[in-house]
N, C-alpha and C. Protein backbone atom coordinates (compact mmCIF):
# COMPACT_ATOMS: atom_id res chain seq x y z
N MET A 1 1.08 53.16 -71.56
CA MET A 1 -0.17 53.78 -71.18
C MET A 1 -0.83 54.34 -72.44
N ILE A 2 -2.13 54.18 -72.48
CA ILE A 2 -2.93 54.68 -73.59
C ILE A 2 -3.99 55.59 -73.01
N ILE A 3 -4.19 56.75 -73.62
CA ILE A 3 -5.19 57.70 -73.15
C ILE A 3 -6.18 57.95 -74.28
N CYS A 4 -7.42 57.50 -74.07
CA CYS A 4 -8.47 57.60 -75.09
C CYS A 4 -9.44 58.71 -74.72
N TYR A 5 -9.82 59.51 -75.72
CA TYR A 5 -10.70 60.66 -75.50
C TYR A 5 -12.00 60.53 -76.27
N SER A 6 -13.10 60.90 -75.63
CA SER A 6 -14.37 61.15 -76.30
C SER A 6 -14.96 62.40 -75.65
N SER A 7 -16.02 62.92 -76.20
CA SER A 7 -16.62 64.12 -75.64
C SER A 7 -17.30 63.85 -74.30
N ARG A 8 -17.44 62.58 -73.92
CA ARG A 8 -18.08 62.23 -72.66
C ARG A 8 -17.12 61.87 -71.54
N GLU A 9 -15.98 61.27 -71.89
CA GLU A 9 -15.03 60.88 -70.86
C GLU A 9 -13.67 60.59 -71.47
N ILE A 10 -12.70 60.47 -70.58
CA ILE A 10 -11.35 60.07 -70.96
C ILE A 10 -11.06 58.76 -70.25
N SER A 11 -10.48 57.81 -70.97
CA SER A 11 -10.08 56.54 -70.39
C SER A 11 -8.56 56.45 -70.41
N VAL A 12 -7.97 56.26 -69.24
CA VAL A 12 -6.52 56.07 -69.12
C VAL A 12 -6.32 54.58 -68.87
N ILE A 13 -5.70 53.91 -69.83
CA ILE A 13 -5.52 52.46 -69.80
C ILE A 13 -4.03 52.17 -69.61
N GLY A 14 -3.71 51.47 -68.54
CA GLY A 14 -2.30 51.21 -68.28
C GLY A 14 -2.07 50.00 -67.41
N SER A 15 -0.81 49.72 -67.19
CA SER A 15 -0.40 48.63 -66.32
C SER A 15 -0.35 49.13 -64.87
N ARG A 16 -0.25 48.21 -63.96
CA ARG A 16 -0.12 48.58 -62.55
C ARG A 16 1.10 49.47 -62.34
N GLU A 17 2.20 49.11 -62.99
CA GLU A 17 3.44 49.87 -62.85
C GLU A 17 3.28 51.29 -63.38
N GLU A 18 2.58 51.44 -64.50
CA GLU A 18 2.36 52.78 -65.06
C GLU A 18 1.49 53.64 -64.13
N PHE A 19 0.48 53.02 -63.49
CA PHE A 19 -0.35 53.79 -62.57
C PHE A 19 0.40 54.16 -61.30
N VAL A 20 1.30 53.30 -60.83
CA VAL A 20 2.14 53.65 -59.68
C VAL A 20 3.04 54.83 -60.05
N ALA A 21 3.63 54.81 -61.24
CA ALA A 21 4.47 55.92 -61.69
C ALA A 21 3.64 57.20 -61.82
N LEU A 22 2.43 57.08 -62.36
CA LEU A 22 1.56 58.26 -62.48
C LEU A 22 1.21 58.80 -61.11
N SER A 23 0.90 57.94 -60.15
CA SER A 23 0.56 58.42 -58.81
C SER A 23 1.74 59.15 -58.19
N SER A 24 2.93 58.67 -58.41
CA SER A 24 4.13 59.34 -57.90
C SER A 24 4.30 60.71 -58.54
N MET A 25 4.08 60.78 -59.84
CA MET A 25 4.19 62.06 -60.56
C MET A 25 3.14 63.05 -60.03
N ILE A 26 1.93 62.57 -59.79
CA ILE A 26 0.86 63.43 -59.26
C ILE A 26 1.24 63.92 -57.86
N ARG A 27 1.74 63.04 -57.03
CA ARG A 27 2.04 63.38 -55.64
C ARG A 27 3.28 64.25 -55.50
N ASN A 28 4.32 63.95 -56.26
CA ASN A 28 5.63 64.53 -55.95
C ASN A 28 6.18 65.55 -56.94
N THR A 29 6.19 65.23 -58.19
CA THR A 29 7.05 66.00 -59.07
C THR A 29 6.34 66.82 -60.12
N GLY A 30 5.13 66.44 -60.48
CA GLY A 30 4.56 67.03 -61.68
C GLY A 30 5.31 66.47 -62.86
N GLY A 31 5.09 67.01 -64.03
CA GLY A 31 5.83 66.57 -65.20
C GLY A 31 4.95 66.05 -66.30
N ARG A 32 5.57 65.29 -67.20
CA ARG A 32 4.90 64.81 -68.40
C ARG A 32 5.23 63.34 -68.62
N MET A 33 4.23 62.55 -68.98
CA MET A 33 4.42 61.14 -69.31
C MET A 33 3.79 60.89 -70.67
N ALA A 34 4.59 60.46 -71.63
CA ALA A 34 4.08 60.19 -72.98
C ALA A 34 3.17 58.97 -72.96
N SER A 35 2.23 58.94 -73.89
CA SER A 35 1.35 57.78 -74.03
C SER A 35 1.52 57.17 -75.41
N ASN A 36 1.06 55.95 -75.55
CA ASN A 36 1.13 55.23 -76.81
C ASN A 36 0.04 55.74 -77.74
N GLN A 37 0.37 56.07 -78.95
CA GLN A 37 -0.61 56.55 -79.92
C GLN A 37 -0.74 55.62 -81.12
N THR A 38 -0.42 54.34 -80.89
CA THR A 38 -0.52 53.35 -81.94
C THR A 38 -1.87 52.64 -81.86
N GLY A 39 -2.54 52.46 -82.98
CA GLY A 39 -3.79 51.72 -83.00
C GLY A 39 -5.02 52.59 -82.97
N SER A 40 -6.14 51.94 -82.96
CA SER A 40 -7.43 52.62 -82.97
C SER A 40 -7.90 52.92 -81.55
N PRO A 41 -8.49 54.09 -81.33
CA PRO A 41 -9.04 54.41 -80.01
C PRO A 41 -10.46 53.88 -79.81
N ALA A 42 -11.06 53.26 -80.83
CA ALA A 42 -12.47 52.83 -80.79
C ALA A 42 -12.75 52.06 -79.50
N PRO A 43 -13.82 52.34 -78.83
CA PRO A 43 -14.98 53.15 -79.24
C PRO A 43 -14.83 54.65 -78.95
N TYR A 44 -13.65 55.08 -78.53
CA TYR A 44 -13.41 56.51 -78.29
C TYR A 44 -13.08 57.21 -79.61
N ASP A 45 -12.97 58.55 -79.55
CA ASP A 45 -12.75 59.34 -80.77
C ASP A 45 -11.29 59.46 -81.18
N LYS A 46 -10.40 59.60 -80.19
CA LYS A 46 -8.98 59.77 -80.52
C LYS A 46 -8.10 59.41 -79.34
N LEU A 47 -6.81 59.24 -79.64
CA LEU A 47 -5.81 58.97 -78.62
C LEU A 47 -5.12 60.27 -78.25
N LEU A 48 -4.89 60.50 -76.96
CA LEU A 48 -4.16 61.67 -76.51
C LEU A 48 -2.68 61.35 -76.39
N ALA A 49 -1.84 62.36 -76.57
CA ALA A 49 -0.40 62.17 -76.69
C ALA A 49 0.33 61.94 -75.37
N ALA A 50 -0.20 62.47 -74.28
CA ALA A 50 0.54 62.42 -73.02
C ALA A 50 -0.38 62.78 -71.87
N VAL A 51 0.16 62.63 -70.67
CA VAL A 51 -0.48 63.19 -69.49
C VAL A 51 0.50 64.19 -68.90
N ILE A 52 0.00 65.36 -68.56
CA ILE A 52 0.80 66.44 -67.98
C ILE A 52 0.24 66.73 -66.60
N VAL A 53 1.11 66.77 -65.60
CA VAL A 53 0.70 67.05 -64.23
C VAL A 53 1.28 68.38 -63.81
N GLU A 54 0.41 69.24 -63.26
CA GLU A 54 0.84 70.57 -62.84
C GLU A 54 0.20 70.91 -61.50
N HIS A 55 1.02 71.34 -60.55
CA HIS A 55 0.51 71.76 -59.26
C HIS A 55 0.13 73.24 -59.35
N VAL A 56 -1.11 73.55 -58.97
CA VAL A 56 -1.63 74.91 -58.99
C VAL A 56 -2.17 75.22 -57.60
N PRO A 57 -1.47 76.03 -56.81
CA PRO A 57 -1.91 76.32 -55.44
C PRO A 57 -3.34 76.83 -55.38
N GLY A 58 -4.09 76.29 -54.41
CA GLY A 58 -5.45 76.74 -54.16
C GLY A 58 -6.52 76.21 -55.10
N GLN A 59 -6.15 75.44 -56.09
CA GLN A 59 -7.12 74.94 -57.08
C GLN A 59 -7.52 73.50 -56.77
N SER A 60 -8.82 73.20 -56.91
CA SER A 60 -9.25 71.82 -56.83
C SER A 60 -8.70 71.06 -58.03
N VAL A 61 -8.66 69.75 -57.94
CA VAL A 61 -8.10 68.92 -59.01
C VAL A 61 -8.99 69.02 -60.25
N LYS A 62 -8.35 69.23 -61.37
CA LYS A 62 -9.07 69.36 -62.64
C LYS A 62 -8.39 68.52 -63.71
N PHE A 63 -9.18 67.67 -64.37
CA PHE A 63 -8.75 66.95 -65.56
C PHE A 63 -9.23 67.75 -66.76
N SER A 64 -8.33 68.03 -67.69
CA SER A 64 -8.70 68.77 -68.91
C SER A 64 -7.83 68.30 -70.06
N VAL A 65 -8.16 68.76 -71.27
CA VAL A 65 -7.39 68.41 -72.45
C VAL A 65 -6.73 69.68 -72.97
N THR A 66 -5.44 69.62 -73.21
CA THR A 66 -4.69 70.78 -73.68
C THR A 66 -4.89 70.96 -75.19
N PRO A 67 -4.57 72.14 -75.72
CA PRO A 67 -4.69 72.35 -77.17
C PRO A 67 -3.85 71.39 -78.01
N ASP A 68 -2.74 70.89 -77.45
CA ASP A 68 -1.91 69.93 -78.20
C ASP A 68 -2.29 68.48 -77.87
N GLU A 69 -3.53 68.30 -77.38
CA GLU A 69 -4.14 66.98 -77.19
C GLU A 69 -3.40 66.09 -76.18
N ALA A 70 -3.20 66.64 -74.99
CA ALA A 70 -2.67 65.88 -73.86
C ALA A 70 -3.68 65.99 -72.72
N LEU A 71 -3.71 64.98 -71.88
CA LEU A 71 -4.51 65.03 -70.67
C LEU A 71 -3.74 65.84 -69.64
N GLN A 72 -4.35 66.91 -69.13
CA GLN A 72 -3.70 67.71 -68.09
C GLN A 72 -4.42 67.46 -66.78
N ILE A 73 -3.62 67.20 -65.74
CA ILE A 73 -4.13 67.05 -64.38
C ILE A 73 -3.50 68.16 -63.57
N SER A 74 -4.32 69.05 -63.03
CA SER A 74 -3.78 70.18 -62.28
C SER A 74 -4.55 70.35 -60.98
N GLY A 75 -3.89 70.94 -60.00
CA GLY A 75 -4.54 71.20 -58.74
C GLY A 75 -3.57 71.46 -57.61
N ASP A 76 -4.13 71.84 -56.49
CA ASP A 76 -3.38 72.09 -55.26
C ASP A 76 -2.68 70.81 -54.80
N LYS A 77 -1.49 70.94 -54.26
CA LYS A 77 -0.69 69.78 -53.87
C LYS A 77 -1.43 68.87 -52.88
N VAL A 78 -2.16 69.43 -51.92
CA VAL A 78 -2.88 68.61 -50.94
C VAL A 78 -3.98 67.81 -51.63
N LYS A 79 -4.76 68.45 -52.49
CA LYS A 79 -5.85 67.75 -53.19
C LYS A 79 -5.30 66.77 -54.22
N MET A 80 -4.18 67.12 -54.83
CA MET A 80 -3.53 66.18 -55.76
C MET A 80 -3.04 64.95 -55.00
N GLY A 81 -2.65 65.14 -53.73
CA GLY A 81 -2.23 64.02 -52.91
C GLY A 81 -3.35 63.00 -52.70
N ILE A 82 -4.58 63.49 -52.59
CA ILE A 82 -5.73 62.59 -52.45
C ILE A 82 -5.90 61.77 -53.73
N LEU A 83 -5.83 62.44 -54.88
CA LEU A 83 -5.92 61.74 -56.16
C LEU A 83 -4.79 60.73 -56.29
N ALA A 84 -3.57 61.12 -55.93
CA ALA A 84 -2.42 60.22 -56.03
C ALA A 84 -2.63 58.96 -55.19
N THR A 85 -3.17 59.12 -54.00
CA THR A 85 -3.46 57.98 -53.13
C THR A 85 -4.50 57.06 -53.78
N ASN A 86 -5.53 57.65 -54.37
CA ASN A 86 -6.56 56.84 -55.05
C ASN A 86 -5.98 56.06 -56.22
N VAL A 87 -5.15 56.71 -57.03
CA VAL A 87 -4.55 56.04 -58.19
C VAL A 87 -3.61 54.94 -57.74
N GLU A 88 -2.81 55.20 -56.73
CA GLU A 88 -1.88 54.20 -56.22
C GLU A 88 -2.63 53.00 -55.62
N SER A 89 -3.68 53.28 -54.85
CA SER A 89 -4.48 52.19 -54.27
C SER A 89 -5.13 51.35 -55.36
N PHE A 90 -5.64 52.01 -56.39
CA PHE A 90 -6.22 51.29 -57.52
C PHE A 90 -5.16 50.38 -58.14
N ALA A 91 -3.97 50.91 -58.37
CA ALA A 91 -2.89 50.14 -59.01
C ALA A 91 -2.46 48.93 -58.19
N LYS A 92 -2.40 49.08 -56.90
CA LYS A 92 -1.85 48.03 -56.06
C LYS A 92 -2.88 47.05 -55.52
N GLU A 93 -4.15 47.46 -55.42
CA GLU A 93 -5.11 46.64 -54.69
C GLU A 93 -6.29 46.13 -55.51
N SER A 94 -6.55 46.70 -56.68
CA SER A 94 -7.74 46.31 -57.45
C SER A 94 -7.48 45.09 -58.31
N PRO A 95 -8.50 44.23 -58.46
CA PRO A 95 -8.38 43.11 -59.40
C PRO A 95 -8.24 43.62 -60.84
N ASP A 96 -7.69 42.78 -61.71
CA ASP A 96 -7.43 43.17 -63.10
C ASP A 96 -8.67 43.67 -63.83
N ASN A 97 -9.83 43.14 -63.52
CA ASN A 97 -11.02 43.52 -64.27
C ASN A 97 -11.74 44.75 -63.69
N HIS A 98 -11.15 45.40 -62.72
CA HIS A 98 -11.75 46.60 -62.13
C HIS A 98 -11.30 47.86 -62.86
N HIS A 99 -12.05 48.93 -62.62
CA HIS A 99 -11.69 50.26 -63.13
C HIS A 99 -12.06 51.27 -62.06
N SER A 100 -11.60 52.49 -62.20
CA SER A 100 -11.84 53.53 -61.19
C SER A 100 -12.28 54.81 -61.88
N HIS A 101 -13.38 55.38 -61.43
CA HIS A 101 -13.91 56.63 -61.98
C HIS A 101 -13.48 57.80 -61.12
N GLU A 102 -13.06 58.87 -61.75
CA GLU A 102 -12.81 60.15 -61.10
C GLU A 102 -13.74 61.14 -61.79
N GLU A 103 -14.87 61.42 -61.14
CA GLU A 103 -15.90 62.25 -61.77
C GLU A 103 -16.50 63.18 -60.73
N TYR A 104 -16.63 64.47 -61.09
CA TYR A 104 -17.18 65.47 -60.18
C TYR A 104 -18.67 65.21 -59.89
N PHE A 105 -19.06 65.46 -58.67
CA PHE A 105 -20.47 65.54 -58.28
C PHE A 105 -20.57 66.73 -57.32
N PRO A 106 -21.75 67.33 -57.19
CA PRO A 106 -21.89 68.51 -56.32
C PRO A 106 -21.37 68.24 -54.90
N GLY A 107 -20.49 69.11 -54.46
CA GLY A 107 -19.90 68.98 -53.14
C GLY A 107 -18.66 68.10 -53.09
N HIS A 108 -18.16 67.64 -54.25
CA HIS A 108 -16.96 66.78 -54.26
C HIS A 108 -15.85 67.50 -53.52
N PHE A 109 -15.13 66.78 -52.68
CA PHE A 109 -14.16 67.42 -51.80
C PHE A 109 -12.79 67.69 -52.42
N TYR A 110 -12.47 67.16 -53.59
CA TYR A 110 -11.18 67.52 -54.20
C TYR A 110 -11.25 67.78 -55.70
N LEU A 111 -12.31 67.38 -56.39
CA LEU A 111 -12.42 67.64 -57.84
C LEU A 111 -13.12 68.96 -58.12
N ALA A 112 -12.66 69.67 -59.13
CA ALA A 112 -13.27 70.92 -59.57
C ALA A 112 -14.55 70.64 -60.37
N PRO A 113 -15.54 71.52 -60.30
CA PRO A 113 -16.79 71.31 -61.04
C PRO A 113 -16.60 71.17 -62.55
N ASP A 114 -15.58 71.82 -63.11
CA ASP A 114 -15.35 71.75 -64.56
C ASP A 114 -14.34 70.68 -64.95
N SER A 115 -14.08 69.75 -64.05
CA SER A 115 -13.15 68.65 -64.34
C SER A 115 -13.82 67.64 -65.28
N PHE A 116 -13.06 67.19 -66.26
CA PHE A 116 -13.54 66.20 -67.22
C PHE A 116 -13.60 64.83 -66.55
N PRO A 117 -14.62 64.01 -66.79
CA PRO A 117 -14.68 62.66 -66.21
C PRO A 117 -13.56 61.76 -66.76
N VAL A 118 -12.90 61.04 -65.86
CA VAL A 118 -11.80 60.15 -66.24
C VAL A 118 -12.03 58.77 -65.63
N VAL A 119 -11.71 57.75 -66.41
CA VAL A 119 -11.76 56.37 -65.95
C VAL A 119 -10.36 55.78 -66.07
N PHE A 120 -9.87 55.18 -64.99
CA PHE A 120 -8.59 54.46 -65.00
C PHE A 120 -8.90 52.98 -65.15
N GLU A 121 -8.22 52.33 -66.11
CA GLU A 121 -8.47 50.91 -66.41
C GLU A 121 -7.14 50.19 -66.63
N PHE A 122 -7.13 48.91 -66.32
CA PHE A 122 -5.93 48.10 -66.54
C PHE A 122 -5.90 47.55 -67.96
N THR A 123 -4.72 47.47 -68.55
CA THR A 123 -4.56 46.82 -69.85
C THR A 123 -4.86 45.34 -69.73
N THR A 124 -4.71 44.79 -68.55
CA THR A 124 -4.96 43.37 -68.33
C THR A 124 -6.43 43.05 -68.13
N GLY A 125 -7.27 44.08 -67.99
CA GLY A 125 -8.71 43.86 -67.82
C GLY A 125 -9.31 43.27 -69.08
N GLU A 126 -10.34 42.47 -68.91
CA GLU A 126 -10.98 41.78 -70.04
C GLU A 126 -11.36 42.73 -71.17
N ALA A 127 -11.92 43.89 -70.85
CA ALA A 127 -12.38 44.83 -71.88
C ALA A 127 -11.22 45.46 -72.65
N ASN A 128 -10.01 45.42 -72.10
CA ASN A 128 -8.89 46.12 -72.73
C ASN A 128 -7.78 45.21 -73.22
N ARG A 129 -8.03 43.94 -73.33
CA ARG A 129 -7.00 43.03 -73.83
C ARG A 129 -6.51 43.43 -75.22
N LYS A 130 -7.38 44.02 -76.03
CA LYS A 130 -6.98 44.45 -77.37
C LYS A 130 -5.90 45.52 -77.33
N PHE A 131 -5.86 46.31 -76.24
CA PHE A 131 -4.87 47.37 -76.14
C PHE A 131 -3.52 46.83 -75.67
N SER A 132 -3.49 45.70 -75.03
CA SER A 132 -2.24 45.21 -74.46
C SER A 132 -1.19 44.93 -75.53
N THR A 133 -1.60 44.64 -76.75
CA THR A 133 -0.63 44.39 -77.81
C THR A 133 -0.01 45.68 -78.32
N LEU A 134 -0.57 46.81 -77.95
CA LEU A 134 -0.06 48.10 -78.43
C LEU A 134 1.12 48.58 -77.60
N GLN A 135 1.36 47.98 -76.46
CA GLN A 135 2.38 48.50 -75.57
C GLN A 135 3.68 47.75 -75.71
């Protein structure tokens, strides 16, 4: 899995298996998953070191970047379950060239207003074939 950061969005690029594992971590255990930091993040600014999942009771789901440059996903277990279902469905049902946006809009039912925009993409997608050699 590769996590690319820019001031506008974060792109999480991975295989179907990595997204299924991430959805399980979001739904069940929390924890930390290291990411690949080899290669250039272009057109993004930098590569993030990991994804950290934390359950926070009563909080809407929030994507943020930690001081040690990891993607943090935090939120209430019920709302995190919705995100986990979305990530798992993306991993199992979407064609290789698809991607999935998780971005707040007014009235969003599980994302926090201050959540950073995130895009989930497959390494097998046409736009990300260059990253597949990094894994």
